[in-house]
Amino acid sequence: TNWEFRPTFYEAPLRFSDDGQFELWLAESVEDSADGLTLTVKLRKGIKFHNGREVTADDLVWAVERARDTSIGHHLSDRFTTCTGATKMDDYTVQITYSDPTPSKYDALARLYIFPKEAAENIANTPVGTGPFKFVEWVPGDHLTAVRFEDYWRKGEPYLDKVIVKPIPDEQSRMVNLLAGGIDLLMGVPLADKKLLEQAPGVEVFTQPPGFAFYAFLFNVSRPPFDNTLVRQALNYAVDRDKINQTAFHGEGVMTTLPYAPTSWAYPEDLANYYTFDLDKAKELLAKAGYPNGFKTTCLIRGTGDVYLDMAQVYQQDLAKIGVEMELLPTELPQYWPKLFASEFDIVSHATGEATVDPSGLFEGAACCRPFRNFFKITEDTTWFPKYKELVDEAHVTLDKEKRKQLYHEALKIFVEQGWTIPIAWRQQIYAYKDFVKAFRADIDGAIWLNQVWLAK
């Protein structure tokens, strides 16, 4: 199933709450030591996996050790680099230890989905977790079926008897199915269709709040001329977000100049308007960098259509006005991802970011900001990268919130000044559903929670 449907089958000790914080979930309590080096997690008693076995401390220990194992490519391995181990204290209590305070450890616990070790071999095709629904069948390209888990730990939930997930690749077909009643819930609504669905009778539209991920142009700083800070700054000034909004986002975009949402306690208000749309300034900087007549370059496009191409076409037009000839390279996803990971691009039209409560998550999980495994080769610039990494590393192990805010501000100032990433707009996940679908919920991580959904019909 899609990443968004993971809580259907899997759950974690914590989950993201509606106010963007954390709430206890599989865990009954979570206590941090005064030095931030020991986290004590007590699991609720009586929680069962779909195979009938009770969840115990052994399962959490195994989940932590699995996340720490860098050889398996775990999605949380970057979040557990400072974790030194997990110890079973009793049947339901685990102590997780860290070499450093690691403020982002709560974010990690909200994504640490627990499943039985004995089911690991077939977990990709046969989900087994603690979630409200139990896997029945998957017919590739047609549907996935899950039924109510009768032993679900939250008494009385879920309210639905069955969930059927149907992949419908064609956007128009998805719309027709929703309006005709063939499906009850549609995820991934294009911005172009948002207004139409808002006006459709019997349909509700839900838009995920900004802060999860953002669309961006990113530069490979190891390739000339993008190894030149002045060139990157010039191209930052050449972005017309208003025009991109009207053209690529149909006027519905939530534009941004920073990788943090304004709701974050680390949001640097003074850096929000560092770059404005100013082609004269862009030309001035290009001339200062030694490119008075511009240059030729290419832009790798994520996919062959959609907003990634649309916003690159607008950018292409404005770059041409300052002498920069940018060839667009729309690339099917099977070919796109290897090129991205191998840093085979000059500029890339991409989406990046990380949904986290703690700002450190952006520097640990988002490829645009983290000072390691960075596809944009920022580690190769020794003039400013060492200071950037030093600030990020210090903030990662500092407990004082005000001190951390100052450190992140300094790091983001380097991020903005060096300009290797141009945030454009928040990537909004839009859902549409029939008005008889009640209590629909999607969290800041893009996960859909169906445990309390019911149908008023």
Protein backbone atom coordinates (compact mmCIF):
# COMPACT_ATOMS: atom_id res chain seq x y z
CA THR A 1 0.00 0.00 0.00
CA ASN A 2 1.00 3.61 -0.28
CA TRP A 3 2.99 5.18 2.56
CA GLU A 4 -0.13 7.14 3.46
CA PHE A 5 -2.05 3.99 4.42
CA ARG A 6 0.52 2.58 6.84
CA PRO A 7 -1.57 3.20 10.03
CA THR A 8 -4.19 0.88 8.53
CA PHE A 9 -1.87 -2.00 9.42
CA TYR A 10 1.03 -0.62 11.46
CA GLU A 11 1.34 1.59 14.53
CA ALA A 12 4.14 3.10 16.60
CA PRO A 13 4.72 3.97 20.28
CA LEU A 14 3.76 7.60 19.53
CA ARG A 15 1.78 9.32 16.82
CA PHE A 16 1.54 12.88 15.51
CA SER A 17 -1.40 14.72 17.09
CA ASP A 18 -3.75 17.12 15.33
CA ASP A 19 -1.92 20.11 16.80
CA GLY A 20 1.40 18.98 15.34
CA GLN A 21 2.78 17.54 18.58
CA PHE A 22 2.90 13.95 19.87
CA GLU A 23 0.43 11.72 21.63
CA LEU A 24 0.92 8.37 23.30
CA TRP A 25 -0.24 5.49 21.14
CA LEU A 26 1.15 1.97 21.62
CA ALA A 27 3.13 3.43 24.50
CA GLU A 28 1.43 4.00 27.84
CA SER A 29 4.24 6.35 28.90
CA VAL A 30 7.51 7.76 27.58
CA GLU A 31 9.98 9.31 30.02
CA ASP A 32 13.23 11.06 29.13
CA SER A 33 16.14 11.27 31.55
CA ALA A 34 17.40 14.66 32.70
CA ASP A 35 20.51 14.38 30.49
CA GLY A 36 18.47 13.24 27.49
CA LEU A 37 20.51 10.05 27.11
CA THR A 38 17.92 7.48 28.25
CA LEU A 39 14.35 7.13 27.07
CA THR A 40 12.09 4.76 29.01
CA VAL A 41 9.14 3.48 26.99
CA LYS A 42 6.36 1.52 28.66
CA LEU A 43 4.02 -0.28 26.27
CA ARG A 44 0.32 -0.77 26.92
CA LYS A 45 -0.62 -4.27 28.01
CA GLY A 46 -2.89 -6.45 25.95
CA ILE A 47 -2.11 -5.08 22.49
CA LYS A 48 -2.18 -7.84 19.90
CA PHE A 49 -0.66 -8.30 16.49
CA HIS A 50 -2.86 -9.47 13.64
CA ASN A 51 -1.39 -12.95 14.07
CA GLY A 52 -2.85 -13.10 17.59
CA ARG A 53 0.37 -12.70 19.58
CA GLU A 54 0.64 -10.01 22.26
CA VAL A 55 3.05 -7.12 21.76
CA THR A 56 5.84 -7.14 24.34
CA ALA A 57 9.06 -5.30 25.12
CA ASP A 58 10.95 -7.81 22.96
CA ASP A 59 9.15 -6.46 19.89
CA LEU A 60 10.14 -2.88 20.63
CA VAL A 61 13.75 -3.89 21.29
CA TRP A 62 13.82 -5.71 17.94
CA ALA A 63 12.28 -2.72 16.17
CA VAL A 64 14.93 -0.37 17.59
CA GLU A 65 17.80 -2.71 16.74
CA ARG A 66 16.41 -3.12 13.23
CA ALA A 67 16.29 0.67 12.78
CA ARG A 68 19.90 0.91 13.96
CA ASP A 69 21.04 -1.68 11.41
CA THR A 70 22.43 0.40 8.55
CA SER A 71 22.85 -2.67 6.34
CA ILE A 72 19.12 -3.11 5.68
CA GLY A 73 18.27 0.38 4.44
CA HIS A 74 15.74 1.10 7.19
CA HIS A 75 13.81 4.34 6.59
CA LEU A 76 14.77 5.54 10.09
CA SER A 77 18.45 4.62 10.09
CA ASP A 78 19.47 8.30 9.95
CA ARG A 79 17.34 8.99 13.03
CA PHE A 80 19.02 6.27 15.07
CA THR A 81 22.66 7.13 14.49
CA THR A 82 23.06 8.31 18.09
CA CYS A 83 21.09 5.41 19.54
CA THR A 84 23.41 3.00 21.34
CA GLY A 85 20.86 0.26 22.02
CA ALA A 86 17.61 -0.88 23.58
CA THR A 87 17.26 -2.98 26.74
CA LYS A 88 14.23 -4.91 27.98
CA MET A 89 13.49 -3.92 31.59
CA ASP A 90 10.37 -6.04 32.02
CA ASP A 91 7.73 -7.57 29.73
CA TYR A 92 6.41 -4.15 28.67
CA THR A 93 9.20 -1.67 29.43
CA VAL A 94 12.22 -0.79 27.30
CA GLN A 95 15.11 1.60 27.92
CA ILE A 96 16.55 3.17 24.76
CA THR A 97 19.98 4.76 25.22
CA TYR A 98 21.73 7.46 23.22
CA SER A 99 25.25 8.79 22.95
CA ASP A 100 23.86 12.34 22.69
CA PRO A 101 20.59 13.97 23.84
CA THR A 102 19.01 13.63 20.34
CA PRO A 103 15.92 15.87 20.57
CA SER A 104 14.46 14.22 17.44
CA LYS A 105 14.06 10.85 19.16
CA TYR A 106 10.33 11.47 19.68
CA ASP A 107 9.88 12.01 15.96
CA ALA A 108 11.61 8.70 15.40
CA LEU A 109 9.30 6.92 17.87
CA ALA A 110 6.29 8.28 15.98
CA ARG A 111 7.54 6.50 12.85
CA LEU A 112 8.90 3.33 14.43
CA TYR A 113 6.18 0.93 13.27
CA ILE A 114 6.16 -2.31 15.22
CA PHE A 115 5.50 -5.68 13.65
CA PRO A 116 6.32 -9.25 14.73
CA LYS A 117 9.79 -10.55 13.96
CA GLU A 118 8.33 -13.85 12.79
CA ALA A 119 6.40 -12.04 10.04
CA ALA A 120 9.37 -10.04 8.74
CA GLU A 121 10.23 -12.37 5.85
CA ASN A 122 6.93 -11.75 4.05
CA ILE A 123 6.07 -8.32 5.46
CA ALA A 124 6.32 -6.57 2.08
CA ASN A 125 3.47 -8.63 0.64
CA THR A 126 1.58 -9.65 3.78
CA PRO A 127 1.31 -6.78 6.30
CA VAL A 128 1.09 -7.87 9.94
CA GLY A 129 0.93 -5.18 12.60
CA THR A 130 -1.29 -3.84 15.38
CA GLY A 131 -3.43 -1.53 13.23
CA PRO A 132 -7.24 -1.36 13.13
CA PHE A 133 -7.50 -3.42 9.94
CA LYS A 134 -6.18 -6.84 9.05
CA PHE A 135 -4.79 -7.66 5.63
CA VAL A 136 -6.86 -10.04 3.47
CA GLU A 137 -5.56 -9.86 -0.09
CA TRP A 138 -3.65 -7.82 -2.58
CA VAL A 139 -4.33 -8.17 -6.30
CA PRO A 140 -1.58 -6.11 -7.97
CA GLY A 141 -2.96 -3.34 -10.14
CA ASP A 142 -6.53 -3.98 -9.01
CA HIS A 143 -7.20 -3.74 -5.28
CA LEU A 144 -6.10 -4.37 -1.70
CA THR A 145 -8.63 -5.59 0.87
CA ALA A 146 -8.45 -5.31 4.65
CA VAL A 147 -11.08 -6.21 7.24
CA ARG A 148 -11.83 -5.03 10.75
CA PHE A 149 -9.36 -6.39 13.30
CA GLU A 150 -11.63 -7.77 15.99
CA ASP A 151 -8.89 -7.74 18.64
CA TYR A 152 -7.85 -4.14 18.03
CA TRP A 153 -6.61 -2.62 21.30
CA ARG A 154 -8.77 0.53 21.11
CA LYS A 155 -12.09 -0.86 22.26
CA GLY A 156 -14.97 -0.35 19.87
CA GLU A 157 -12.71 0.68 16.99
CA PRO A 158 -12.54 0.57 14.06
CA TYR A 159 -16.07 1.43 13.02
CA LEU A 160 -15.77 0.20 9.44
CA ASP A 161 -16.06 -3.50 8.62
CA LYS A 162 -13.86 -3.42 5.53
CA VAL A 163 -11.51 -1.18 3.58
CA ILE A 164 -10.77 -1.63 -0.13
CA VAL A 165 -7.92 0.35 -1.68
CA LYS A 166 -8.06 0.68 -5.47
CA PRO A 167 -5.19 2.09 -7.57
CA ILE A 168 -6.63 4.25 -10.38
CA PRO A 169 -3.71 5.78 -12.31
CA ASP A 170 -5.75 8.10 -14.54
CA GLU A 171 -6.67 11.38 -12.80
CA GLN A 172 -9.88 11.84 -14.76
CA SER A 173 -11.02 8.30 -13.99
CA ARG A 174 -10.41 8.90 -10.28
CA MET A 175 -12.58 12.02 -10.37
CA VAL A 176 -15.37 10.25 -12.26
CA ASN A 177 -15.30 7.34 -9.79
CA LEU A 178 -15.62 9.67 -6.80
CA LEU A 179 -18.43 11.75 -8.26
CA ALA A 180 -20.31 8.67 -9.50
CA GLY A 181 -19.99 6.88 -6.15
CA GLY A 182 -17.57 4.20 -7.30
CA ILE A 183 -15.20 5.19 -4.49
CA ASP A 184 -15.79 7.00 -1.19
CA LEU A 185 -12.36 8.57 -0.64
CA LEU A 186 -9.87 9.96 -3.13
CA MET A 187 -6.30 10.87 -2.21
CA GLY A 188 -3.85 12.87 -4.28
CA VAL A 189 -6.34 15.35 -5.72
CA PRO A 190 -4.57 17.66 -8.24
CA LEU A 191 -4.68 21.35 -7.36
CA ALA A 192 -6.33 21.97 -10.73
CA ASP A 193 -9.35 19.93 -9.56
CA LYS A 194 -9.59 21.26 -6.02
CA LYS A 195 -12.08 24.06 -6.72
CA LEU A 196 -14.24 21.79 -8.88
CA LEU A 197 -14.53 19.23 -6.09
CA GLU A 198 -15.18 21.91 -3.45
CA GLN A 199 -18.20 22.96 -5.50
CA ALA A 200 -19.39 19.43 -6.26
CA PRO A 201 -22.53 18.38 -4.34
CA GLY A 202 -22.01 15.68 -1.73
CA VAL A 203 -18.22 16.02 -1.67
CA GLU A 204 -15.90 17.26 1.09
CA VAL A 205 -12.29 18.34 0.51
CA PHE A 206 -9.49 18.13 3.08
CA THR A 207 -6.11 19.79 2.56
CA GLN A 208 -3.15 18.72 4.64
CA PRO A 209 -1.61 21.70 6.49
CA PRO A 210 1.71 23.02 5.08
CA GLY A 211 4.91 21.74 6.62
CA PHE A 212 5.28 18.20 5.31
CA ALA A 213 7.34 18.69 2.14
CA PHE A 214 7.94 21.41 -0.39
CA TYR A 215 8.53 21.78 -4.12
CA ALA A 216 11.92 23.17 -4.96
CA PHE A 217 14.66 23.74 -7.51
CA LEU A 218 17.98 22.39 -6.32
CA PHE A 219 21.50 22.81 -7.67
CA ASN A 220 24.35 20.33 -7.89
CA VAL A 221 27.04 22.50 -6.30
CA SER A 222 29.83 20.25 -7.58
CA ARG A 223 29.12 21.22 -11.19
CA PRO A 224 30.23 24.56 -12.65
CA PRO A 225 28.83 27.16 -12.67
CA PHE A 226 26.75 26.06 -9.67
CA ASP A 227 29.88 25.70 -7.58
CA ASN A 228 29.83 29.51 -7.57
CA THR A 229 27.76 31.02 -4.75
CA LEU A 230 27.06 34.18 -6.77
CA VAL A 231 25.53 32.11 -9.58
CA ARG A 232 23.25 30.28 -7.17
CA GLN A 233 22.22 33.56 -5.58
CA ALA A 234 21.50 35.05 -9.01
CA LEU A 235 19.22 32.17 -9.88
CA ASN A 236 17.41 32.56 -6.57
CA TYR A 237 16.53 36.13 -7.57
CA ALA A 238 15.16 34.86 -10.90
CA VAL A 239 12.23 32.95 -9.38
CA ASP A 240 8.77 34.49 -9.81
CA ARG A 241 6.70 32.60 -7.24
CA ASP A 242 3.54 34.54 -8.04
CA LYS A 243 3.71 33.49 -11.68
CA ILE A 244 4.55 29.90 -10.71
CA ASN A 245 1.57 29.87 -8.36
CA GLN A 246 -0.84 31.02 -11.07
CA THR A 247 0.58 28.73 -13.75
CA ALA A 248 1.68 25.57 -11.98
CA PHE A 249 -0.56 25.66 -8.88
CA HIS A 250 -3.67 27.25 -10.41
CA GLY A 251 -3.54 30.02 -7.83
CA GLU A 252 -4.02 27.51 -5.01
CA GLY A 253 -0.39 27.13 -3.96
CA VAL A 254 0.96 27.96 -0.52
CA MET A 255 4.27 29.51 -1.50
CA THR A 256 7.39 29.47 0.65
CA THR A 257 10.96 30.74 0.60
CA LEU A 258 12.12 28.60 3.53
CA PRO A 259 12.15 24.88 4.36
CA TYR A 260 10.28 25.49 7.65
CA ALA A 261 6.59 26.23 7.98
CA PRO A 262 5.77 29.42 9.94
CA THR A 263 4.27 27.20 12.65
CA SER A 264 7.71 25.86 13.61
CA TRP A 265 9.28 27.38 16.71
CA ALA A 266 12.53 27.57 14.72
CA TYR A 267 11.02 29.57 11.82
CA PRO A 268 13.42 32.47 11.02
CA GLU A 269 11.10 35.34 10.17
CA ASP A 270 13.98 37.65 9.23
CA LEU A 271 15.16 35.27 6.50
CA ALA A 272 11.76 34.79 4.83
CA ASN A 273 12.28 37.63 2.33
CA TYR A 274 16.01 37.27 1.76
CA TYR A 275 15.39 36.79 -1.99
CA THR A 276 12.74 38.62 -3.99
CA PHE A 277 11.99 38.37 -7.71
CA ASP A 278 14.54 40.76 -9.15
CA LEU A 279 15.96 40.05 -12.62
CA ASP A 280 18.20 43.13 -12.53
CA LYS A 281 19.82 41.88 -9.33
CA ALA A 282 20.14 38.43 -10.92
CA LYS A 283 21.95 39.91 -13.96
CA GLU A 284 24.24 41.93 -11.70
CA LEU A 285 25.27 38.86 -9.72
CA LEU A 286 25.83 36.78 -12.89
CA ALA A 287 28.13 39.49 -14.25
CA LYS A 288 30.00 39.63 -10.94
CA ALA A 289 30.38 35.84 -11.08
CA GLY A 290 31.91 36.06 -14.56
CA TYR A 291 28.85 35.17 -16.61
CA PRO A 292 27.62 38.51 -18.04
CA ASN A 293 26.07 36.72 -21.02
CA GLY A 294 24.61 33.85 -19.02
CA PHE A 295 25.24 30.17 -19.75
CA LYS A 296 23.56 26.94 -20.86
CA THR A 297 22.35 24.32 -18.39
CA THR A 298 19.83 21.51 -17.95
CA CYS A 299 17.04 20.79 -15.48
CA LEU A 300 16.14 17.24 -14.53
CA ILE A 301 12.36 16.99 -14.10
CA ARG A 302 10.70 14.56 -11.72
CA GLY A 303 8.31 12.72 -14.06
CA THR A 304 7.07 13.79 -17.47
CA GLY A 305 4.25 16.10 -16.44
CA ASP A 306 2.48 17.51 -13.41
CA VAL A 307 3.62 20.48 -11.35
CA TYR A 308 7.35 19.66 -11.56
CA LEU A 309 7.37 20.39 -15.29
CA ASP A 310 4.93 23.29 -15.05
CA MET A 311 6.98 25.24 -12.53
CA ALA A 312 10.21 24.51 -14.44
CA GLN A 313 8.67 25.94 -17.62
CA VAL A 314 7.89 29.22 -15.83
CA TYR A 315 11.40 29.32 -14.38
CA GLN A 316 12.87 28.57 -17.82
CA GLN A 317 11.15 31.64 -19.29
CA ASP A 318 12.51 34.00 -16.62
CA LEU A 319 16.02 32.53 -16.76
CA ALA A 320 16.09 33.20 -20.49
CA LYS A 321 15.65 36.92 -19.70
CA ILE A 322 18.99 36.93 -17.87
CA GLY A 323 20.79 34.88 -20.53
CA VAL A 324 20.51 31.46 -18.87
CA GLU A 325 19.34 28.85 -21.37
CA MET A 326 17.88 25.94 -19.41
CA GLU A 327 16.95 22.75 -21.25
CA LEU A 328 14.19 20.76 -19.57
CA LEU A 329 14.67 17.01 -19.18
CA PRO A 330 11.34 15.37 -18.17
CA THR A 331 12.27 11.91 -16.88
CA GLU A 332 10.11 8.89 -16.08
CA LEU A 333 10.41 7.92 -12.41
CA PRO A 334 12.25 4.59 -12.96
CA GLN A 335 15.03 6.58 -14.65
CA TYR A 336 14.65 9.71 -12.53
CA TRP A 337 15.50 8.27 -9.12
CA PRO A 338 18.85 6.68 -10.12
CA LYS A 339 19.90 9.99 -11.71
CA LEU A 340 18.93 11.93 -8.59
CA PHE A 341 20.70 9.58 -6.19
CA ALA A 342 23.82 9.59 -8.39
CA SER A 343 23.77 13.43 -8.54
CA GLU A 344 23.54 13.31 -12.34
CA PHE A 345 21.98 16.73 -12.88
CA ASP A 346 22.73 20.45 -12.99
CA ILE A 347 19.37 21.64 -11.64
CA VAL A 348 16.52 19.41 -10.52
CA SER A 349 12.80 20.13 -10.16
CA HIS A 350 11.94 18.06 -7.12
CA ALA A 351 10.04 17.84 -3.84
CA THR A 352 11.87 17.49 -0.56
CA GLY A 353 11.41 18.12 3.14
CA GLU A 354 10.46 16.22 6.26
CA ALA A 355 7.40 16.33 8.51
CA THR A 356 8.74 16.66 12.04
CA VAL A 357 7.75 18.26 15.31
CA ASP A 358 11.36 18.96 16.23
CA PRO A 359 13.26 21.09 13.69
CA SER A 360 16.24 18.75 13.84
CA GLY A 361 14.27 16.34 11.67
CA LEU A 362 14.74 18.63 8.69
CA PHE A 363 18.52 18.35 9.00
CA GLU A 364 18.39 14.59 9.56
CA GLY A 365 15.74 13.45 7.11
CA ALA A 366 15.44 16.02 4.32
CA ALA A 367 17.91 15.43 1.53
CA CYS A 368 18.13 19.18 0.83
CA CYS A 369 19.35 20.09 4.31
CA ARG A 370 21.13 17.17 5.88
CA PRO A 371 24.92 17.43 5.96
CA PHE A 372 25.33 13.78 4.84
CA ARG A 373 23.98 11.63 1.98
CA ASN A 374 23.17 14.90 0.26
CA PHE A 375 22.48 14.45 -3.46
CA PHE A 376 23.34 18.11 -4.15
CA LYS A 377 27.00 17.68 -3.21
CA ILE A 378 27.10 20.43 -0.58
CA THR A 379 29.72 18.42 1.33
CA GLU A 380 32.22 19.17 -1.42
CA ASP A 381 32.30 22.93 -0.75
CA THR A 382 34.88 23.31 2.01
CA THR A 383 34.49 27.09 2.29
CA TRP A 384 31.17 27.10 4.14
CA PHE A 385 30.05 23.50 4.59
CA PRO A 386 32.20 22.75 7.69
CA LYS A 387 30.54 25.61 9.60
CA TYR A 388 27.10 24.49 8.44
CA LYS A 389 27.73 20.94 9.64
CA GLU A 390 29.18 22.19 12.93
CA LEU A 391 26.00 24.20 13.66
CA VAL A 392 23.71 21.32 12.73
CA ASP A 393 25.69 18.84 14.81
CA GLU A 394 25.77 21.13 17.86
CA ALA A 395 22.02 21.80 17.66
CA HIS A 396 21.46 18.07 17.44
CA VAL A 397 22.97 17.48 20.90
CA THR A 398 21.91 20.68 22.68
CA LEU A 399 19.03 20.54 25.17
CA ASP A 400 18.43 24.26 25.71
CA LYS A 401 15.65 25.30 23.32
CA GLU A 402 16.72 28.94 22.93
CA LYS A 403 20.31 27.90 22.25
CA ARG A 404 19.08 25.40 19.66
CA LYS A 405 16.90 28.06 18.01
CA GLN A 406 19.96 30.29 17.67
CA LEU A 407 22.02 27.46 16.18
CA TYR A 408 19.32 26.54 13.67
CA HIS A 409 18.98 30.19 12.73
CA GLU A 410 22.69 30.38 11.95
CA ALA A 411 22.50 27.14 9.95
CA LEU A 412 19.48 28.33 7.98
CA LYS A 413 21.22 31.63 7.29
CA ILE A 414 23.98 29.65 5.57
CA PHE A 415 21.29 27.59 3.79
CA VAL A 416 19.71 30.77 2.44
CA GLU A 417 22.91 32.63 1.64
CA GLN A 418 24.47 29.70 -0.20
CA GLY A 419 21.24 29.13 -2.08
CA TRP A 420 21.67 25.53 -3.20
CA THR A 421 17.97 24.95 -2.63
CA ILE A 422 15.15 27.22 -3.82
CA PRO A 423 11.95 26.38 -1.91
CA ILE A 424 8.93 27.20 -4.08
CA ALA A 425 5.69 26.01 -2.47
CA TRP A 426 4.46 23.59 0.14
CA ARG A 427 3.52 20.23 -1.27
CA GLN A 428 -0.13 19.91 -0.27
CA GLN A 429 -1.78 16.51 -0.03
CA ILE A 430 -5.42 16.99 -0.94
CA TYR A 431 -8.13 14.46 -0.19
CA ALA A 432 -11.73 14.41 -1.37
CA TYR A 433 -14.46 12.19 0.01
CA LYS A 434 -18.21 11.74 -0.05
CA ASP A 435 -19.98 13.80 2.60
CA PHE A 436 -21.23 10.68 4.37
CA VAL A 437 -17.61 9.82 5.28
CA LYS A 438 -17.13 11.11 8.83
CA ALA A 439 -14.10 11.64 11.11
CA PHE A 440 -11.52 11.48 8.33
CA ARG A 441 -8.02 12.29 9.61
CA ALA A 442 -4.61 12.78 8.00
CA ASP A 443 -1.61 13.79 10.11
CA ILE A 444 1.34 16.09 9.33
CA ASP A 445 3.31 13.08 8.03
CA GLY A 446 0.68 12.43 5.37
CA ALA A 447 -0.65 9.29 7.06
CA ILE A 448 -4.36 8.48 6.80
CA TRP A 449 -6.02 7.26 10.00
CA LEU A 450 -9.17 5.20 9.44
CA ASN A 451 -9.69 3.84 12.94
CA GLN A 452 -12.47 6.33 13.77
CA VAL A 453 -13.95 6.80 10.29
CA TRP A 454 -17.62 5.94 9.93
CA LEU A 455 -20.24 6.23 7.20
CA ALA A 456 -23.42 8.21 7.80
CA LYS A 457 -25.64 6.27 5.46
